[in-house]
Amino acid sequence: MSAPTFPALTHVAVTVTDLERSTAWYAALFDADPVLDEDEETGGFHHTVFALGGGQLFGLHTHPAGRGGDFDERTTGLDHVAFACADRDELEAWRGRLDELGVAHGDVVDAAYGSGVSFRDPDNIALEFFAPPS
């Protein structure tokens, strides 16, 4: 029996230290307001969720017993989150948008498998805009 087609990602959620600060930052990046903002009674955390294109969701979580500390992609767990760009032109447009928002970012890095622009959120979580090779 063969495995079914692997499903697309439906959502990503990251834990943040200051929900108000991160909500404002991501709202500016996404140019959208959250579609959900609530306390999760059964899980003991608060989450804010943004709806992105293609039916994907991006969530911000805070936990009352959070451990704090800085994000470090070298620690086991999440390395980074990459947002798909259709092509190099869209990647360049997003680089320009980061400039408009005053978000520090790296240069466009080209590799055989595609091109990316890396940046970080207020909690130092590594993010990237990524386009396939042209």
N, C-alpha and C. Protein backbone atom coordinates (compact mmCIF):
# COMPACT_ATOMS: atom_id res chain seq x y z
N MET A 1 0.85 -1.17 0.00
CA MET A 1 0.00 0.00 0.00
C MET A 1 0.90 1.24 0.00
N SER A 2 0.62 2.17 -0.88
CA SER A 2 1.43 3.39 -0.93
C SER A 2 0.83 4.46 -0.01
N ALA A 3 1.68 5.34 0.43
CA ALA A 3 1.25 6.42 1.33
C ALA A 3 0.41 7.43 0.55
N PRO A 4 -0.55 8.04 1.22
CA PRO A 4 -1.31 9.10 0.54
C PRO A 4 -0.40 10.29 0.27
N THR A 5 -0.83 11.16 -0.62
CA THR A 5 -0.07 12.38 -0.90
C THR A 5 0.08 13.17 0.39
N PHE A 6 1.30 13.60 0.67
CA PHE A 6 1.53 14.33 1.92
C PHE A 6 0.83 15.67 1.85
N PRO A 7 0.08 16.04 2.90
CA PRO A 7 -0.68 17.30 2.86
C PRO A 7 0.21 18.53 3.01
N ALA A 8 -0.31 19.65 2.52
CA ALA A 8 0.37 20.94 2.67
C ALA A 8 0.31 21.39 4.13
N LEU A 9 1.20 22.28 4.51
CA LEU A 9 1.13 22.86 5.85
C LEU A 9 -0.14 23.70 5.97
N THR A 10 -0.82 23.59 7.07
CA THR A 10 -2.01 24.39 7.30
C THR A 10 -1.73 25.58 8.19
N HIS A 11 -0.82 25.40 9.16
CA HIS A 11 -0.46 26.54 10.00
C HIS A 11 0.90 26.33 10.66
N VAL A 12 1.45 27.45 11.06
CA VAL A 12 2.67 27.50 11.86
C VAL A 12 2.36 28.38 13.05
N ALA A 13 2.81 28.01 14.22
CA ALA A 13 2.64 28.84 15.41
C ALA A 13 3.99 28.98 16.08
N VAL A 14 4.34 30.20 16.45
CA VAL A 14 5.59 30.46 17.15
C VAL A 14 5.27 31.06 18.52
N THR A 15 6.09 30.76 19.49
CA THR A 15 5.93 31.30 20.83
C THR A 15 6.70 32.62 20.93
N VAL A 16 6.04 33.64 21.45
CA VAL A 16 6.65 34.97 21.56
C VAL A 16 6.64 35.43 23.02
N THR A 17 7.51 36.38 23.33
CA THR A 17 7.60 36.86 24.70
C THR A 17 6.64 38.00 25.00
N ASP A 18 6.31 38.80 24.00
CA ASP A 18 5.44 39.96 24.18
C ASP A 18 4.40 39.93 23.07
N LEU A 19 3.21 39.41 23.39
CA LEU A 19 2.18 39.20 22.37
C LEU A 19 1.76 40.51 21.71
N GLU A 20 1.61 41.56 22.48
CA GLU A 20 1.19 42.85 21.91
C GLU A 20 2.22 43.36 20.90
N ARG A 21 3.49 43.33 21.29
CA ARG A 21 4.56 43.78 20.39
C ARG A 21 4.61 42.93 19.13
N SER A 22 4.57 41.62 19.29
CA SER A 22 4.66 40.72 18.13
C SER A 22 3.44 40.81 17.25
N THR A 23 2.26 40.99 17.83
CA THR A 23 1.05 41.14 17.02
C THR A 23 1.15 42.37 16.14
N ALA A 24 1.61 43.49 16.70
CA ALA A 24 1.77 44.71 15.90
C ALA A 24 2.81 44.51 14.80
N TRP A 25 3.92 43.84 15.12
CA TRP A 25 4.99 43.63 14.15
C TRP A 25 4.51 42.75 12.99
N TYR A 26 3.88 41.62 13.32
CA TYR A 26 3.40 40.72 12.26
C TYR A 26 2.23 41.33 11.49
N ALA A 27 1.38 42.12 12.14
CA ALA A 27 0.29 42.79 11.44
C ALA A 27 0.85 43.72 10.36
N ALA A 28 1.93 44.42 10.68
CA ALA A 28 2.57 45.29 9.69
C ALA A 28 3.19 44.45 8.57
N LEU A 29 3.88 43.38 8.92
CA LEU A 29 4.51 42.53 7.91
C LEU A 29 3.47 41.92 6.98
N PHE A 30 2.40 41.37 7.56
CA PHE A 30 1.37 40.71 6.76
C PHE A 30 0.38 41.69 6.15
N ASP A 31 0.41 42.95 6.59
CA ASP A 31 -0.56 43.96 6.17
C ASP A 31 -1.98 43.44 6.40
N ALA A 32 -2.18 42.90 7.60
CA ALA A 32 -3.47 42.29 7.95
C ALA A 32 -3.64 42.28 9.47
N ASP A 33 -4.87 42.29 9.89
CA ASP A 33 -5.18 42.14 11.31
C ASP A 33 -5.39 40.66 11.62
N PRO A 34 -5.19 40.28 12.87
CA PRO A 34 -5.46 38.89 13.24
C PRO A 34 -6.92 38.52 13.02
N VAL A 35 -7.16 37.25 12.72
CA VAL A 35 -8.53 36.76 12.57
C VAL A 35 -9.02 36.09 13.85
N LEU A 36 -8.11 35.87 14.80
CA LEU A 36 -8.46 35.22 16.05
C LEU A 36 -7.50 35.71 17.13
N ASP A 37 -8.05 35.96 18.30
CA ASP A 37 -7.24 36.37 19.45
C ASP A 37 -7.96 35.87 20.69
N GLU A 38 -7.45 34.79 21.30
CA GLU A 38 -8.17 34.21 22.43
C GLU A 38 -7.25 33.44 23.36
N ASP A 39 -7.75 33.25 24.57
CA ASP A 39 -7.09 32.37 25.52
C ASP A 39 -7.57 30.96 25.26
N GLU A 40 -6.64 30.03 25.21
CA GLU A 40 -6.97 28.62 25.02
C GLU A 40 -7.15 28.01 26.40
N GLU A 41 -8.40 27.76 26.76
CA GLU A 41 -8.70 27.28 28.11
C GLU A 41 -8.09 25.91 28.40
N THR A 42 -8.14 25.02 27.43
CA THR A 42 -7.64 23.66 27.69
C THR A 42 -6.12 23.58 27.62
N GLY A 43 -5.49 24.45 26.82
CA GLY A 43 -4.04 24.38 26.66
C GLY A 43 -3.27 25.34 27.54
N GLY A 44 -3.97 26.27 28.19
CA GLY A 44 -3.31 27.20 29.08
C GLY A 44 -2.40 28.20 28.39
N PHE A 45 -2.72 28.62 27.18
CA PHE A 45 -1.91 29.62 26.50
C PHE A 45 -2.82 30.60 25.78
N HIS A 46 -2.26 31.71 25.36
CA HIS A 46 -3.00 32.71 24.59
C HIS A 46 -2.48 32.66 23.16
N HIS A 47 -3.38 32.76 22.20
CA HIS A 47 -2.90 32.78 20.82
C HIS A 47 -3.63 33.82 19.99
N THR A 48 -2.87 34.34 19.04
CA THR A 48 -3.35 35.28 18.05
C THR A 48 -3.03 34.65 16.70
N VAL A 49 -3.98 34.68 15.77
CA VAL A 49 -3.80 33.97 14.50
C VAL A 49 -4.06 34.92 13.34
N PHE A 50 -3.19 34.85 12.34
CA PHE A 50 -3.33 35.60 11.09
C PHE A 50 -3.67 34.62 9.97
N ALA A 51 -4.56 35.02 9.07
CA ALA A 51 -4.88 34.22 7.88
C ALA A 51 -4.00 34.72 6.74
N LEU A 52 -3.23 33.81 6.15
CA LEU A 52 -2.38 34.15 5.02
C LEU A 52 -2.99 33.57 3.75
N GLY A 53 -2.41 33.87 2.61
CA GLY A 53 -2.90 33.34 1.35
C GLY A 53 -2.89 31.83 1.31
N GLY A 54 -3.74 31.26 0.48
CA GLY A 54 -3.77 29.81 0.31
C GLY A 54 -4.36 29.05 1.48
N GLY A 55 -5.08 29.74 2.35
CA GLY A 55 -5.71 29.07 3.48
C GLY A 55 -4.77 28.75 4.63
N GLN A 56 -3.56 29.28 4.59
CA GLN A 56 -2.60 29.01 5.66
C GLN A 56 -2.80 29.99 6.82
N LEU A 57 -2.49 29.52 8.01
CA LEU A 57 -2.60 30.34 9.21
C LEU A 57 -1.23 30.48 9.85
N PHE A 58 -0.99 31.64 10.47
CA PHE A 58 0.26 31.89 11.20
C PHE A 58 -0.13 32.36 12.59
N GLY A 59 0.28 31.60 13.60
CA GLY A 59 -0.13 31.89 14.96
C GLY A 59 1.01 32.38 15.84
N LEU A 60 0.63 33.22 16.79
CA LEU A 60 1.54 33.68 17.83
C LEU A 60 1.00 33.17 19.14
N HIS A 61 1.86 32.54 19.93
CA HIS A 61 1.44 31.97 21.22
C HIS A 61 2.24 32.61 22.35
N THR A 62 1.58 32.76 23.50
CA THR A 62 2.27 33.06 24.75
C THR A 62 1.80 32.05 25.77
N HIS A 63 2.70 31.67 26.64
CA HIS A 63 2.40 30.69 27.68
C HIS A 63 2.65 31.33 29.04
N PRO A 64 1.70 31.22 29.97
CA PRO A 64 1.89 31.87 31.27
C PRO A 64 3.12 31.39 32.02
N ALA A 65 3.52 30.17 31.81
CA ALA A 65 4.71 29.64 32.48
C ALA A 65 5.88 29.57 31.51
N GLY A 66 5.94 30.55 30.59
CA GLY A 66 7.00 30.55 29.59
C GLY A 66 8.37 30.60 30.20
N ARG A 67 9.33 30.01 29.51
CA ARG A 67 10.70 29.95 30.01
C ARG A 67 11.53 31.13 29.56
N GLY A 68 11.03 31.92 28.60
CA GLY A 68 11.81 33.06 28.13
C GLY A 68 13.05 32.62 27.39
N GLY A 69 13.99 33.53 27.26
CA GLY A 69 15.23 33.23 26.54
C GLY A 69 15.13 33.65 25.09
N ASP A 70 16.27 33.74 24.45
CA ASP A 70 16.33 34.16 23.07
C ASP A 70 16.21 32.96 22.14
N PHE A 71 15.56 33.17 21.02
CA PHE A 71 15.48 32.15 19.98
C PHE A 71 16.88 31.90 19.44
N ASP A 72 17.19 30.66 19.19
CA ASP A 72 18.47 30.29 18.59
C ASP A 72 18.25 29.07 17.72
N GLU A 73 18.37 29.26 16.41
CA GLU A 73 18.11 28.17 15.47
C GLU A 73 19.11 27.02 15.62
N ARG A 74 20.16 27.21 16.38
CA ARG A 74 21.13 26.14 16.59
C ARG A 74 20.68 25.17 17.68
N THR A 75 19.60 25.54 18.40
CA THR A 75 19.04 24.67 19.42
C THR A 75 18.04 23.73 18.75
N THR A 76 17.95 22.51 19.20
CA THR A 76 17.00 21.56 18.61
C THR A 76 15.60 22.14 18.64
N GLY A 77 14.92 22.06 17.53
CA GLY A 77 13.58 22.61 17.37
C GLY A 77 13.49 23.35 16.05
N LEU A 78 12.77 24.42 16.04
CA LEU A 78 12.57 25.21 14.83
C LEU A 78 13.87 25.88 14.38
N ASP A 79 14.16 25.80 13.10
CA ASP A 79 15.31 26.51 12.54
C ASP A 79 14.86 27.86 11.98
N HIS A 80 13.89 27.86 11.09
CA HIS A 80 13.34 29.10 10.56
C HIS A 80 12.02 28.80 9.86
N VAL A 81 11.28 29.86 9.56
CA VAL A 81 10.04 29.75 8.79
C VAL A 81 10.27 30.52 7.49
N ALA A 82 9.98 29.89 6.37
CA ALA A 82 10.16 30.54 5.06
C ALA A 82 8.81 30.75 4.40
N PHE A 83 8.63 31.95 3.85
CA PHE A 83 7.41 32.30 3.13
C PHE A 83 7.70 32.23 1.64
N ALA A 84 6.84 31.55 0.88
CA ALA A 84 7.07 31.28 -0.53
C ALA A 84 6.80 32.51 -1.40
N CYS A 85 7.74 32.79 -2.27
CA CYS A 85 7.57 33.80 -3.31
C CYS A 85 7.54 33.06 -4.65
N ALA A 86 6.74 33.55 -5.57
CA ALA A 86 6.59 32.87 -6.86
C ALA A 86 7.87 32.91 -7.68
N ASP A 87 8.62 34.03 -7.58
CA ASP A 87 9.80 34.21 -8.41
C ASP A 87 10.71 35.28 -7.81
N ARG A 88 11.80 35.54 -8.50
CA ARG A 88 12.79 36.51 -8.02
C ARG A 88 12.19 37.91 -7.91
N ASP A 89 11.31 38.30 -8.83
CA ASP A 89 10.69 39.62 -8.77
C ASP A 89 9.87 39.79 -7.49
N GLU A 90 9.11 38.78 -7.12
CA GLU A 90 8.33 38.86 -5.89
C GLU A 90 9.26 38.89 -4.67
N LEU A 91 10.34 38.13 -4.72
CA LEU A 91 11.33 38.15 -3.64
C LEU A 91 11.90 39.56 -3.47
N GLU A 92 12.24 40.20 -4.57
CA GLU A 92 12.77 41.58 -4.52
C GLU A 92 11.71 42.54 -3.98
N ALA A 93 10.45 42.33 -4.33
CA ALA A 93 9.37 43.19 -3.82
C ALA A 93 9.26 43.06 -2.31
N TRP A 94 9.39 41.84 -1.79
CA TRP A 94 9.34 41.64 -0.35
C TRP A 94 10.56 42.24 0.34
N ARG A 95 11.70 42.17 -0.30
CA ARG A 95 12.89 42.82 0.27
C ARG A 95 12.63 44.32 0.39
N GLY A 96 12.01 44.90 -0.63
CA GLY A 96 11.65 46.31 -0.58
C GLY A 96 10.65 46.61 0.52
N ARG A 97 9.69 45.70 0.72
CA ARG A 97 8.71 45.88 1.79
C ARG A 97 9.37 45.86 3.16
N LEU A 98 10.35 44.98 3.36
CA LEU A 98 11.09 44.95 4.62
C LEU A 98 11.79 46.29 4.84
N ASP A 99 12.37 46.85 3.77
CA ASP A 99 13.00 48.17 3.88
C ASP A 99 11.98 49.22 4.31
N GLU A 100 10.80 49.21 3.68
CA GLU A 100 9.74 50.16 4.03
C GLU A 100 9.36 50.07 5.50
N LEU A 101 9.33 48.84 6.02
CA LEU A 101 8.94 48.61 7.41
C LEU A 101 10.10 48.85 8.39
N GLY A 102 11.30 49.08 7.87
CA GLY A 102 12.46 49.26 8.74
C GLY A 102 12.93 47.97 9.38
N VAL A 103 12.64 46.83 8.74
CA VAL A 103 13.05 45.52 9.26
C VAL A 103 14.42 45.17 8.69
N ALA A 104 15.38 44.98 9.57
CA ALA A 104 16.72 44.59 9.14
C ALA A 104 16.66 43.23 8.45
N HIS A 105 17.44 43.08 7.40
CA HIS A 105 17.45 41.81 6.65
C HIS A 105 18.79 41.64 5.97
N GLY A 106 19.04 40.42 5.54
CA GLY A 106 20.24 40.13 4.79
C GLY A 106 20.04 40.44 3.31
N ASP A 107 21.09 40.25 2.56
CA ASP A 107 21.02 40.38 1.11
C ASP A 107 20.30 39.17 0.53
N VAL A 108 19.93 39.25 -0.72
CA VAL A 108 19.40 38.08 -1.41
C VAL A 108 20.54 37.08 -1.55
N VAL A 109 20.30 35.86 -1.11
CA VAL A 109 21.30 34.80 -1.21
C VAL A 109 20.79 33.80 -2.25
N ASP A 110 21.61 33.56 -3.26
CA ASP A 110 21.25 32.64 -4.33
C ASP A 110 21.94 31.30 -4.12
N ALA A 111 21.18 30.24 -4.35
CA ALA A 111 21.72 28.88 -4.29
C ALA A 111 21.09 28.09 -5.44
N ALA A 112 21.59 26.91 -5.68
CA ALA A 112 21.06 26.08 -6.76
C ALA A 112 19.59 25.76 -6.55
N TYR A 113 19.14 25.67 -5.30
CA TYR A 113 17.76 25.29 -5.00
C TYR A 113 16.82 26.49 -4.86
N GLY A 114 17.33 27.73 -4.97
CA GLY A 114 16.48 28.91 -4.90
C GLY A 114 17.20 30.09 -4.28
N SER A 115 16.45 31.16 -4.05
CA SER A 115 17.01 32.40 -3.50
C SER A 115 16.19 32.83 -2.31
N GLY A 116 16.86 33.43 -1.33
CA GLY A 116 16.15 33.85 -0.13
C GLY A 116 16.67 35.14 0.45
N VAL A 117 15.79 35.79 1.23
CA VAL A 117 16.13 36.97 2.02
C VAL A 117 15.77 36.62 3.46
N SER A 118 16.76 36.66 4.34
CA SER A 118 16.55 36.30 5.75
C SER A 118 16.33 37.55 6.59
N PHE A 119 15.48 37.42 7.62
CA PHE A 119 15.23 38.50 8.56
C PHE A 119 14.74 37.88 9.86
N ARG A 120 14.54 38.69 10.90
CA ARG A 120 14.14 38.17 12.20
C ARG A 120 13.02 39.00 12.79
N ASP A 121 12.19 38.33 13.58
CA ASP A 121 11.08 39.02 14.25
C ASP A 121 11.58 39.62 15.57
N PRO A 122 10.71 40.28 16.34
CA PRO A 122 11.17 40.91 17.58
C PRO A 122 11.75 39.94 18.61
N ASP A 123 11.42 38.65 18.54
CA ASP A 123 11.99 37.65 19.44
C ASP A 123 13.19 36.94 18.82
N ASN A 124 13.69 37.49 17.72
CA ASN A 124 14.86 36.95 17.04
C ASN A 124 14.55 35.65 16.29
N ILE A 125 13.29 35.32 16.10
CA ILE A 125 12.92 34.12 15.35
C ILE A 125 13.31 34.32 13.88
N ALA A 126 14.02 33.36 13.33
CA ALA A 126 14.52 33.45 11.96
C ALA A 126 13.39 33.23 10.96
N LEU A 127 13.25 34.17 10.03
CA LEU A 127 12.24 34.13 8.99
C LEU A 127 12.93 34.36 7.65
N GLU A 128 12.23 33.99 6.58
CA GLU A 128 12.84 34.12 5.26
C GLU A 128 11.74 34.24 4.21
N PHE A 129 12.02 35.03 3.17
CA PHE A 129 11.24 34.98 1.94
C PHE A 129 12.07 34.16 0.98
N PHE A 130 11.43 33.21 0.28
CA PHE A 130 12.17 32.27 -0.54
C PHE A 130 11.50 32.09 -1.89
N ALA A 131 12.31 32.12 -2.95
CA ALA A 131 11.81 31.91 -4.32
C ALA A 131 12.56 30.75 -4.95
N PRO A 132 11.86 29.96 -5.78
CA PRO A 132 12.54 28.85 -6.47
C PRO A 132 13.55 29.39 -7.48
N PRO A 133 14.46 28.53 -7.92
CA PRO A 133 15.45 28.99 -8.91
C PRO A 133 14.76 29.45 -10.20
N SER A 134 15.37 30.45 -10.85
CA SER A 134 14.75 30.92 -12.10
C SER A 134 15.23 30.14 -13.27
